[in-house]
Amino acid sequence: ALAPMLSGLRVIIIDDAHLMNVISPNS
């Protein structure tokens, strides 16, 4: 939610995204 601190972007890597529990994908 905060602006990037060091770069112009924020990058999120979600490994094994298929293992998100029932609520996580909607979040």
mmCIF file of all heavy atoms, coordinates in Angstrom:
data_MODEL
# 
_entry.id   MODEL 
# 
loop_
_atom_site.group_PDB 
_atom_site.id 
_atom_site.type_symbol 
_atom_site.label_atom_id 
_atom_site.label_alt_id 
_atom_site.label_comp_id 
_atom_site.label_asym_id 
_atom_site.label_entity_id 
_atom_site.label_seq_id 
_atom_site.pdbx_PDB_ins_code 
_atom_site.Cartn_x 
_atom_site.Cartn_y 
_atom_site.Cartn_z 
_atom_site.occupancy 
_atom_site.B_iso_or_equiv 
_atom_site.pdbx_formal_charge 
_atom_site.auth_seq_id 
_atom_site.auth_comp_id 
_atom_site.auth_asym_id 
_atom_site.auth_atom_id 
_atom_site.pdbx_PDB_model_num 
ATOM 1   N N   . ALA A 1 1  ? 0.829   -1.198  0.000   1.00 0.00 ? 1  ALA A N   1 
ATOM 2   C CA  . ALA A 1 1  ? 0.000   0.000   0.000   1.00 0.00 ? 1  ALA A CA  1 
ATOM 3   C C   . ALA A 1 1  ? 0.870   1.256   0.000   1.00 0.00 ? 1  ALA A C   1 
ATOM 4   O O   . ALA A 1 1  ? 0.438   2.316   -0.442  1.00 0.00 ? 1  ALA A O   1 
ATOM 5   C CB  . ALA A 1 1  ? -0.933  -0.008  1.202   1.00 0.00 ? 1  ALA A CB  1 
ATOM 6   N N   . LEU A 1 2  ? 2.095   1.113   0.458   1.00 0.00 ? 2  LEU A N   1 
ATOM 7   C CA  . LEU A 1 2  ? 3.029   2.232   0.501   1.00 0.00 ? 2  LEU A CA  1 
ATOM 8   C C   . LEU A 1 2  ? 3.772   2.336   -0.830  1.00 0.00 ? 2  LEU A C   1 
ATOM 9   O O   . LEU A 1 2  ? 3.949   1.347   -1.532  1.00 0.00 ? 2  LEU A O   1 
ATOM 10  C CB  . LEU A 1 2  ? 4.033   2.028   1.632   1.00 0.00 ? 2  LEU A CB  1 
ATOM 11  C CG  . LEU A 1 2  ? 3.426   1.797   3.014   1.00 0.00 ? 2  LEU A CG  1 
ATOM 12  C CD1 . LEU A 1 2  ? 4.505   1.377   3.994   1.00 0.00 ? 2  LEU A CD1 1 
ATOM 13  C CD2 . LEU A 1 2  ? 2.703   3.032   3.492   1.00 0.00 ? 2  LEU A CD2 1 
ATOM 14  N N   . ALA A 1 3  ? 4.227   3.516   -1.160  1.00 0.00 ? 3  ALA A N   1 
ATOM 15  C CA  . ALA A 1 3  ? 4.995   3.717   -2.391  1.00 0.00 ? 3  ALA A CA  1 
ATOM 16  C C   . ALA A 1 3  ? 6.327   2.971   -2.291  1.00 0.00 ? 3  ALA A C   1 
ATOM 17  O O   . ALA A 1 3  ? 6.833   2.733   -1.189  1.00 0.00 ? 3  ALA A O   1 
ATOM 18  C CB  . ALA A 1 3  ? 5.249   5.206   -2.605  1.00 0.00 ? 3  ALA A CB  1 
ATOM 19  N N   . PRO A 1 4  ? 6.900   2.603   -3.443  1.00 0.00 ? 4  PRO A N   1 
ATOM 20  C CA  . PRO A 1 4  ? 8.201   1.924   -3.427  1.00 0.00 ? 4  PRO A CA  1 
ATOM 21  C C   . PRO A 1 4  ? 9.247   2.772   -2.714  1.00 0.00 ? 4  PRO A C   1 
ATOM 22  O O   . PRO A 1 4  ? 9.221   3.996   -2.782  1.00 0.00 ? 4  PRO A O   1 
ATOM 23  C CB  . PRO A 1 4  ? 8.535   1.777   -4.909  1.00 0.00 ? 4  PRO A CB  1 
ATOM 24  C CG  . PRO A 1 4  ? 7.243   1.894   -5.618  1.00 0.00 ? 4  PRO A CG  1 
ATOM 25  C CD  . PRO A 1 4  ? 6.378   2.791   -4.790  1.00 0.00 ? 4  PRO A CD  1 
ATOM 26  N N   . MET A 1 5  ? 10.176  2.087   -2.050  1.00 0.00 ? 5  MET A N   1 
ATOM 27  C CA  . MET A 1 5  ? 11.202  2.784   -1.280  1.00 0.00 ? 5  MET A CA  1 
ATOM 28  C C   . MET A 1 5  ? 12.506  2.947   -2.038  1.00 0.00 ? 5  MET A C   1 
ATOM 29  O O   . MET A 1 5  ? 13.165  3.958   -1.930  1.00 0.00 ? 5  MET A O   1 
ATOM 30  C CB  . MET A 1 5  ? 11.452  2.029   0.023   1.00 0.00 ? 5  MET A CB  1 
ATOM 31  C CG  . MET A 1 5  ? 10.240  1.997   0.927   1.00 0.00 ? 5  MET A CG  1 
ATOM 32  S SD  . MET A 1 5  ? 10.430  0.923   2.341   1.00 0.00 ? 5  MET A SD  1 
ATOM 33  C CE  . MET A 1 5  ? 11.666  1.782   3.291   1.00 0.00 ? 5  MET A CE  1 
ATOM 34  N N   . LEU A 1 6  ? 12.890  1.938   -2.813  1.00 0.00 ? 6  LEU A N   1 
ATOM 35  C CA  . LEU A 1 6  ? 14.200  1.949   -3.471  1.00 0.00 ? 6  LEU A CA  1 
ATOM 36  C C   . LEU A 1 6  ? 14.070  1.988   -4.986  1.00 0.00 ? 6  LEU A C   1 
ATOM 37  O O   . LEU A 1 6  ? 14.865  2.620   -5.654  1.00 0.00 ? 6  LEU A O   1 
ATOM 38  C CB  . LEU A 1 6  ? 15.005  0.719   -3.032  1.00 0.00 ? 6  LEU A CB  1 
ATOM 39  C CG  . LEU A 1 6  ? 16.419  0.581   -3.542  1.00 0.00 ? 6  LEU A CG  1 
ATOM 40  C CD1 . LEU A 1 6  ? 17.273  1.780   -3.152  1.00 0.00 ? 6  LEU A CD1 1 
ATOM 41  C CD2 . LEU A 1 6  ? 17.050  -0.696  -3.012  1.00 0.00 ? 6  LEU A CD2 1 
ATOM 42  N N   . SER A 1 7  ? 13.084  1.322   -5.507  1.00 0.00 ? 7  SER A N   1 
ATOM 43  C CA  . SER A 1 7  ? 12.896  1.224   -6.956  1.00 0.00 ? 7  SER A CA  1 
ATOM 44  C C   . SER A 1 7  ? 11.607  1.940   -7.340  1.00 0.00 ? 7  SER A C   1 
ATOM 45  O O   . SER A 1 7  ? 10.862  2.397   -6.496  1.00 0.00 ? 7  SER A O   1 
ATOM 46  C CB  . SER A 1 7  ? 12.803  -0.248  -7.370  1.00 0.00 ? 7  SER A CB  1 
ATOM 47  O OG  . SER A 1 7  ? 13.980  -0.936  -7.003  1.00 0.00 ? 7  SER A OG  1 
ATOM 48  N N   . GLY A 1 8  ? 11.344  1.969   -8.630  1.00 0.00 ? 8  GLY A N   1 
ATOM 49  C CA  . GLY A 1 8  ? 10.107  2.572   -9.105  1.00 0.00 ? 8  GLY A CA  1 
ATOM 50  C C   . GLY A 1 8  ? 8.920   1.635   -8.997  1.00 0.00 ? 8  GLY A C   1 
ATOM 51  O O   . GLY A 1 8  ? 7.786   2.031   -9.242  1.00 0.00 ? 8  GLY A O   1 
ATOM 52  N N   . LEU A 1 9  ? 9.172   0.385   -8.640  1.00 0.00 ? 9  LEU A N   1 
ATOM 53  C CA  . LEU A 1 9  ? 8.122   -0.629  -8.561  1.00 0.00 ? 9  LEU A CA  1 
ATOM 54  C C   . LEU A 1 9  ? 8.201   -1.397  -7.250  1.00 0.00 ? 9  LEU A C   1 
ATOM 55  O O   . LEU A 1 9  ? 9.236   -1.395  -6.582  1.00 0.00 ? 9  LEU A O   1 
ATOM 56  C CB  . LEU A 1 9  ? 8.296   -1.662  -9.687  1.00 0.00 ? 9  LEU A CB  1 
ATOM 57  C CG  . LEU A 1 9  ? 8.014   -1.262  -11.109 1.00 0.00 ? 9  LEU A CG  1 
ATOM 58  C CD1 . LEU A 1 9  ? 8.419   -2.390  -12.054 1.00 0.00 ? 9  LEU A CD1 1 
ATOM 59  C CD2 . LEU A 1 9  ? 6.549   -0.917  -11.307 1.00 0.00 ? 9  LEU A CD2 1 
ATOM 60  N N   . ARG A 1 10 ? 7.119   -2.073  -6.969  1.00 0.00 ? 10 ARG A N   1 
ATOM 61  C CA  . ARG A 1 10 ? 7.093   -3.113  -5.940  1.00 0.00 ? 10 ARG A CA  1 
ATOM 62  C C   . ARG A 1 10 ? 6.758   -4.397  -6.685  1.00 0.00 ? 10 ARG A C   1 
ATOM 63  O O   . ARG A 1 10 ? 5.850   -4.420  -7.507  1.00 0.00 ? 10 ARG A O   1 
ATOM 64  C CB  . ARG A 1 10 ? 6.022   -2.852  -4.896  1.00 0.00 ? 10 ARG A CB  1 
ATOM 65  C CG  . ARG A 1 10 ? 6.310   -1.626  -4.080  1.00 0.00 ? 10 ARG A CG  1 
ATOM 66  C CD  . ARG A 1 10 ? 6.183   -1.945  -2.648  1.00 0.00 ? 10 ARG A CD  1 
ATOM 67  N NE  . ARG A 1 10 ? 6.413   -0.731  -1.858  1.00 0.00 ? 10 ARG A NE  1 
ATOM 68  C CZ  . ARG A 1 10 ? 6.904   -0.761  -0.666  1.00 0.00 ? 10 ARG A CZ  1 
ATOM 69  N NH1 . ARG A 1 10 ? 7.211   -1.890  -0.109  1.00 0.00 ? 10 ARG A NH1 1 
ATOM 70  N NH2 . ARG A 1 10 ? 7.086   0.341   0.001   1.00 0.00 ? 10 ARG A NH2 1 
ATOM 71  N N   . VAL A 1 11 ? 7.488   -5.463  -6.421  1.00 0.00 ? 11 VAL A N   1 
ATOM 72  C CA  . VAL A 1 11 ? 7.252   -6.745  -7.080  1.00 0.00 ? 11 VAL A CA  1 
ATOM 73  C C   . VAL A 1 11 ? 6.888   -7.773  -6.028  1.00 0.00 ? 11 VAL A C   1 
ATOM 74  O O   . VAL A 1 11 ? 7.557   -7.874  -4.998  1.00 0.00 ? 11 VAL A O   1 
ATOM 75  C CB  . VAL A 1 11 ? 8.485   -7.214  -7.891  1.00 0.00 ? 11 VAL A CB  1 
ATOM 76  C CG1 . VAL A 1 11 ? 8.223   -8.578  -8.529  1.00 0.00 ? 11 VAL A CG1 1 
ATOM 77  C CG2 . VAL A 1 11 ? 8.850   -6.192  -8.960  1.00 0.00 ? 11 VAL A CG2 1 
ATOM 78  N N   . ILE A 1 12 ? 5.829   -8.522  -6.314  1.00 0.00 ? 12 ILE A N   1 
ATOM 79  C CA  . ILE A 1 12 ? 5.352   -9.569  -5.420  1.00 0.00 ? 12 ILE A CA  1 
ATOM 80  C C   . ILE A 1 12 ? 5.494   -10.899 -6.140  1.00 0.00 ? 12 ILE A C   1 
ATOM 81  O O   . ILE A 1 12 ? 5.019   -11.039 -7.272  1.00 0.00 ? 12 ILE A O   1 
ATOM 82  C CB  . ILE A 1 12 ? 3.871   -9.362  -5.070  1.00 0.00 ? 12 ILE A CB  1 
ATOM 83  C CG1 . ILE A 1 12 ? 3.674   -7.999  -4.428  1.00 0.00 ? 12 ILE A CG1 1 
ATOM 84  C CG2 . ILE A 1 12 ? 3.356   -10.483 -4.176  1.00 0.00 ? 12 ILE A CG2 1 
ATOM 85  C CD1 . ILE A 1 12 ? 2.261   -7.486  -4.547  1.00 0.00 ? 12 ILE A CD1 1 
ATOM 86  N N   . ILE A 1 13 ? 6.141   -11.864 -5.508  1.00 0.00 ? 13 ILE A N   1 
ATOM 87  C CA  . ILE A 1 13 ? 6.222   -13.227 -6.043  1.00 0.00 ? 13 ILE A CA  1 
ATOM 88  C C   . ILE A 1 13 ? 5.435   -14.125 -5.101  1.00 0.00 ? 13 ILE A C   1 
ATOM 89  O O   . ILE A 1 13 ? 5.741   -14.193 -3.905  1.00 0.00 ? 13 ILE A O   1 
ATOM 90  C CB  . ILE A 1 13 ? 7.687   -13.720 -6.140  1.00 0.00 ? 13 ILE A CB  1 
ATOM 91  C CG1 . ILE A 1 13 ? 8.499   -12.826 -7.089  1.00 0.00 ? 13 ILE A CG1 1 
ATOM 92  C CG2 . ILE A 1 13 ? 7.723   -15.180 -6.595  1.00 0.00 ? 13 ILE A CG2 1 
ATOM 93  C CD1 . ILE A 1 13 ? 9.989   -13.157 -7.117  1.00 0.00 ? 13 ILE A CD1 1 
ATOM 94  N N   . ILE A 1 14 ? 4.427   -14.794 -5.636  1.00 0.00 ? 14 ILE A N   1 
ATOM 95  C CA  . ILE A 1 14 ? 3.653   -15.744 -4.848  1.00 0.00 ? 14 ILE A CA  1 
ATOM 96  C C   . ILE A 1 14 ? 3.957   -17.137 -5.393  1.00 0.00 ? 14 ILE A C   1 
ATOM 97  O O   . ILE A 1 14 ? 3.493   -17.508 -6.472  1.00 0.00 ? 14 ILE A O   1 
ATOM 98  C CB  . ILE A 1 14 ? 2.146   -15.445 -4.890  1.00 0.00 ? 14 ILE A CB  1 
ATOM 99  C CG1 . ILE A 1 14 ? 1.880   -14.022 -4.378  1.00 0.00 ? 14 ILE A CG1 1 
ATOM 100 C CG2 . ILE A 1 14 ? 1.377   -16.489 -4.065  1.00 0.00 ? 14 ILE A CG2 1 
ATOM 101 C CD1 . ILE A 1 14 ? 0.432   -13.595 -4.419  1.00 0.00 ? 14 ILE A CD1 1 
ATOM 102 N N   . ASP A 1 15 ? 4.787   -17.869 -4.657  1.00 0.00 ? 15 ASP A N   1 
ATOM 103 C CA  . ASP A 1 15 ? 5.205   -19.205 -5.065  1.00 0.00 ? 15 ASP A CA  1 
ATOM 104 C C   . ASP A 1 15 ? 4.127   -20.216 -4.672  1.00 0.00 ? 15 ASP A C   1 
ATOM 105 O O   . ASP A 1 15 ? 3.518   -20.104 -3.610  1.00 0.00 ? 15 ASP A O   1 
ATOM 106 C CB  . ASP A 1 15 ? 6.533   -19.549 -4.391  1.00 0.00 ? 15 ASP A CB  1 
ATOM 107 C CG  . ASP A 1 15 ? 7.242   -20.720 -5.039  1.00 0.00 ? 15 ASP A CG  1 
ATOM 108 O OD1 . ASP A 1 15 ? 6.809   -21.167 -6.120  1.00 0.00 ? 15 ASP A OD1 1 
ATOM 109 O OD2 . ASP A 1 15 ? 8.228   -21.195 -4.460  1.00 0.00 ? 15 ASP A OD2 1 
ATOM 110 N N   . ASP A 1 16 ? 3.905   -21.189 -5.526  1.00 0.00 ? 16 ASP A N   1 
ATOM 111 C CA  . ASP A 1 16 ? 2.862   -22.194 -5.299  1.00 0.00 ? 16 ASP A CA  1 
ATOM 112 C C   . ASP A 1 16 ? 1.515   -21.525 -5.040  1.00 0.00 ? 16 ASP A C   1 
ATOM 113 O O   . ASP A 1 16 ? 0.794   -21.855 -4.088  1.00 0.00 ? 16 ASP A O   1 
ATOM 114 C CB  . ASP A 1 16 ? 3.230   -23.139 -4.153  1.00 0.00 ? 16 ASP A CB  1 
ATOM 115 C CG  . ASP A 1 16 ? 4.321   -24.123 -4.531  1.00 0.00 ? 16 ASP A CG  1 
ATOM 116 O OD1 . ASP A 1 16 ? 4.418   -24.474 -5.728  1.00 0.00 ? 16 ASP A OD1 1 
ATOM 117 O OD2 . ASP A 1 16 ? 5.072   -24.551 -3.641  1.00 0.00 ? 16 ASP A OD2 1 
ATOM 118 N N   . ALA A 1 17 ? 1.162   -20.580 -5.907  1.00 0.00 ? 17 ALA A N   1 
ATOM 119 C CA  . ALA A 1 17 ? -0.084  -19.814 -5.750  1.00 0.00 ? 17 ALA A CA  1 
ATOM 120 C C   . ALA A 1 17 ? -1.310  -20.716 -5.715  1.00 0.00 ? 17 ALA A C   1 
ATOM 121 O O   . ALA A 1 17 ? -2.333  -20.347 -5.125  1.00 0.00 ? 17 ALA A O   1 
ATOM 122 C CB  . ALA A 1 17 ? -0.213  -18.791 -6.877  1.00 0.00 ? 17 ALA A CB  1 
ATOM 123 N N   . HIS A 1 18 ? -1.217  -21.890 -6.310  1.00 0.00 ? 18 HIS A N   1 
ATOM 124 C CA  . HIS A 1 18 ? -2.338  -22.829 -6.284  1.00 0.00 ? 18 HIS A CA  1 
ATOM 125 C C   . HIS A 1 18 ? -2.614  -23.354 -4.873  1.00 0.00 ? 18 HIS A C   1 
ATOM 126 O O   . HIS A 1 18 ? -3.654  -23.960 -4.640  1.00 0.00 ? 18 HIS A O   1 
ATOM 127 C CB  . HIS A 1 18 ? -2.084  -24.006 -7.241  1.00 0.00 ? 18 HIS A CB  1 
ATOM 128 C CG  . HIS A 1 18 ? -0.830  -24.745 -6.934  1.00 0.00 ? 18 HIS A CG  1 
ATOM 129 N ND1 . HIS A 1 18 ? 0.413   -24.293 -7.340  1.00 0.00 ? 18 HIS A ND1 1 
ATOM 130 C CD2 . HIS A 1 18 ? -0.612  -25.891 -6.241  1.00 0.00 ? 18 HIS A CD2 1 
ATOM 131 C CE1 . HIS A 1 18 ? 1.332   -25.136 -6.905  1.00 0.00 ? 18 HIS A CE1 1 
ATOM 132 N NE2 . HIS A 1 18 ? 0.739   -26.113 -6.248  1.00 0.00 ? 18 HIS A NE2 1 
ATOM 133 N N   . LEU A 1 19 ? -1.712  -23.091 -3.934  1.00 0.00 ? 19 LEU A N   1 
ATOM 134 C CA  . LEU A 1 19 ? -1.909  -23.532 -2.558  1.00 0.00 ? 19 LEU A CA  1 
ATOM 135 C C   . LEU A 1 19 ? -2.512  -22.447 -1.672  1.00 0.00 ? 19 LEU A C   1 
ATOM 136 O O   . LEU A 1 19 ? -2.525  -22.583 -0.439  1.00 0.00 ? 19 LEU A O   1 
ATOM 137 C CB  . LEU A 1 19 ? -0.591  -24.030 -1.959  1.00 0.00 ? 19 LEU A CB  1 
ATOM 138 C CG  . LEU A 1 19 ? -0.034  -25.317 -2.578  1.00 0.00 ? 19 LEU A CG  1 
ATOM 139 C CD1 . LEU A 1 19 ? 1.287   -25.695 -1.942  1.00 0.00 ? 19 LEU A CD1 1 
ATOM 140 C CD2 . LEU A 1 19 ? -1.040  -26.454 -2.474  1.00 0.00 ? 19 LEU A CD2 1 
ATOM 141 N N   . MET A 1 20 ? -3.016  -21.369 -2.287  1.00 0.00 ? 20 MET A N   1 
ATOM 142 C CA  . MET A 1 20 ? -3.722  -20.375 -1.482  1.00 0.00 ? 20 MET A CA  1 
ATOM 143 C C   . MET A 1 20 ? -4.952  -21.045 -0.890  1.00 0.00 ? 20 MET A C   1 
ATOM 144 O O   . MET A 1 20 ? -5.652  -21.785 -1.588  1.00 0.00 ? 20 MET A O   1 
ATOM 145 C CB  . MET A 1 20 ? -4.135  -19.168 -2.328  1.00 0.00 ? 20 MET A CB  1 
ATOM 146 C CG  . MET A 1 20 ? -2.985  -18.257 -2.681  1.00 0.00 ? 20 MET A CG  1 
ATOM 147 S SD  . MET A 1 20 ? -3.510  -16.701 -3.417  1.00 0.00 ? 20 MET A SD  1 
ATOM 148 C CE  . MET A 1 20 ? -3.568  -17.161 -5.148  1.00 0.00 ? 20 MET A CE  1 
ATOM 149 N N   . ASN A 1 21 ? -5.206  -20.795 0.397   1.00 0.00 ? 21 ASN A N   1 
ATOM 150 C CA  . ASN A 1 21 ? -6.383  -21.404 1.002   1.00 0.00 ? 21 ASN A CA  1 
ATOM 151 C C   . ASN A 1 21 ? -7.649  -20.757 0.436   1.00 0.00 ? 21 ASN A C   1 
ATOM 152 O O   . ASN A 1 21 ? -7.576  -19.872 -0.409  1.00 0.00 ? 21 ASN A O   1 
ATOM 153 C CB  . ASN A 1 21 ? -6.319  -21.359 2.534   1.00 0.00 ? 21 ASN A CB  1 
ATOM 154 C CG  . ASN A 1 21 ? -6.448  -19.955 3.088   1.00 0.00 ? 21 ASN A CG  1 
ATOM 155 O OD1 . ASN A 1 21 ? -6.810  -19.011 2.403   1.00 0.00 ? 21 ASN A OD1 1 
ATOM 156 N ND2 . ASN A 1 21 ? -6.145  -19.822 4.367   1.00 0.00 ? 21 ASN A ND2 1 
ATOM 157 N N   . VAL A 1 22 ? -8.799  -21.165 0.882   1.00 0.00 ? 22 VAL A N   1 
ATOM 158 C CA  . VAL A 1 22 ? -10.070 -20.744 0.287   1.00 0.00 ? 22 VAL A CA  1 
ATOM 159 C C   . VAL A 1 22 ? -10.255 -19.231 0.286   1.00 0.00 ? 22 VAL A C   1 
ATOM 160 O O   . VAL A 1 22 ? -10.774 -18.663 -0.671  1.00 0.00 ? 22 VAL A O   1 
ATOM 161 C CB  . VAL A 1 22 ? -11.245 -21.430 1.034   1.00 0.00 ? 22 VAL A CB  1 
ATOM 162 C CG1 . VAL A 1 22 ? -12.579 -20.984 0.475   1.00 0.00 ? 22 VAL A CG1 1 
ATOM 163 C CG2 . VAL A 1 22 ? -11.114 -22.933 0.966   1.00 0.00 ? 22 VAL A CG2 1 
ATOM 164 N N   . ILE A 1 23 ? -9.814  -18.565 1.327   1.00 0.00 ? 23 ILE A N   1 
ATOM 165 C CA  . ILE A 1 23 ? -10.036 -17.121 1.478   1.00 0.00 ? 23 ILE A CA  1 
ATOM 166 C C   . ILE A 1 23 ? -8.966  -16.292 0.774   1.00 0.00 ? 23 ILE A C   1 
ATOM 167 O O   . ILE A 1 23 ? -9.236  -15.212 0.265   1.00 0.00 ? 23 ILE A O   1 
ATOM 168 C CB  . ILE A 1 23 ? -10.097 -16.755 2.973   1.00 0.00 ? 23 ILE A CB  1 
ATOM 169 C CG1 . ILE A 1 23 ? -11.205 -17.548 3.651   1.00 0.00 ? 23 ILE A CG1 1 
ATOM 170 C CG2 . ILE A 1 23 ? -10.332 -15.272 3.182   1.00 0.00 ? 23 ILE A CG2 1 
ATOM 171 C CD1 . ILE A 1 23 ? -11.163 -17.498 5.161   1.00 0.00 ? 23 ILE A CD1 1 
ATOM 172 N N   . SER A 1 24 ? -7.750  -16.769 0.701   1.00 0.00 ? 24 SER A N   1 
ATOM 173 C CA  . SER A 1 24 ? -6.620  -15.997 0.179   1.00 0.00 ? 24 SER A CA  1 
ATOM 174 C C   . SER A 1 24 ? -6.820  -15.453 -1.240  1.00 0.00 ? 24 SER A C   1 
ATOM 175 O O   . SER A 1 24 ? -6.513  -14.281 -1.487  1.00 0.00 ? 24 SER A O   1 
ATOM 176 C CB  . SER A 1 24 ? -5.344  -16.834 0.238   1.00 0.00 ? 24 SER A CB  1 
ATOM 177 O OG  . SER A 1 24 ? -5.029  -17.137 1.575   1.00 0.00 ? 24 SER A OG  1 
ATOM 178 N N   . PRO A 1 25 ? -7.322  -16.243 -2.194  1.00 0.00 ? 25 PRO A N   1 
ATOM 179 C CA  . PRO A 1 25 ? -7.477  -15.696 -3.553  1.00 0.00 ? 25 PRO A CA  1 
ATOM 180 C C   . PRO A 1 25 ? -8.396  -14.482 -3.593  1.00 0.00 ? 25 PRO A C   1 
ATOM 181 O O   . PRO A 1 25 ? -8.137  -13.523 -4.320  1.00 0.00 ? 25 PRO A O   1 
ATOM 182 C CB  . PRO A 1 25 ? -8.070  -16.857 -4.348  1.00 0.00 ? 25 PRO A CB  1 
ATOM 183 C CG  . PRO A 1 25 ? -7.717  -18.075 -3.587  1.00 0.00 ? 25 PRO A CG  1 
ATOM 184 C CD  . PRO A 1 25 ? -7.686  -17.651 -2.144  1.00 0.00 ? 25 PRO A CD  1 
ATOM 185 N N   . ASN A 1 26 ? -9.461  -14.502 -2.801  1.00 0.00 ? 26 ASN A N   1 
ATOM 186 C CA  . ASN A 1 26 ? -10.368 -13.357 -2.783  1.00 0.00 ? 26 ASN A CA  1 
ATOM 187 C C   . ASN A 1 26 ? -9.717  -12.142 -2.135  1.00 0.00 ? 26 ASN A C   1 
ATOM 188 O O   . ASN A 1 26 ? -10.044 -11.012 -2.478  1.00 0.00 ? 26 ASN A O   1 
ATOM 189 C CB  . ASN A 1 26 ? -11.666 -13.728 -2.063  1.00 0.00 ? 26 ASN A CB  1 
ATOM 190 C CG  . ASN A 1 26 ? -12.470 -14.716 -2.877  1.00 0.00 ? 26 ASN A CG  1 
ATOM 191 O OD1 . ASN A 1 26 ? -12.607 -14.572 -4.091  1.00 0.00 ? 26 ASN A OD1 1 
ATOM 192 N ND2 . ASN A 1 26 ? -12.985 -15.738 -2.231  1.00 0.00 ? 26 ASN A ND2 1 
ATOM 193 N N   . SER A 1 27 ? -8.782  -12.364 -1.226  1.00 0.00 ? 27 SER A N   1 
ATOM 194 C CA  . SER A 1 27 ? -8.082  -11.255 -0.577  1.00 0.00 ? 27 SER A CA  1 
ATOM 195 C C   . SER A 1 27 ? -7.165  -10.519 -1.545  1.00 0.00 ? 27 SER A C   1 
ATOM 196 O O   . SER A 1 27 ? -6.971  -9.316  -1.425  1.00 0.00 ? 27 SER A O   1 
ATOM 197 C CB  . SER A 1 27 ? -7.247  -11.764 0.599   1.00 0.00 ? 27 SER A CB  1 
ATOM 198 O OG  . SER A 1 27 ? -8.065  -12.298 1.581   1.00 0.00 ? 27 SER A OG  1 
# 
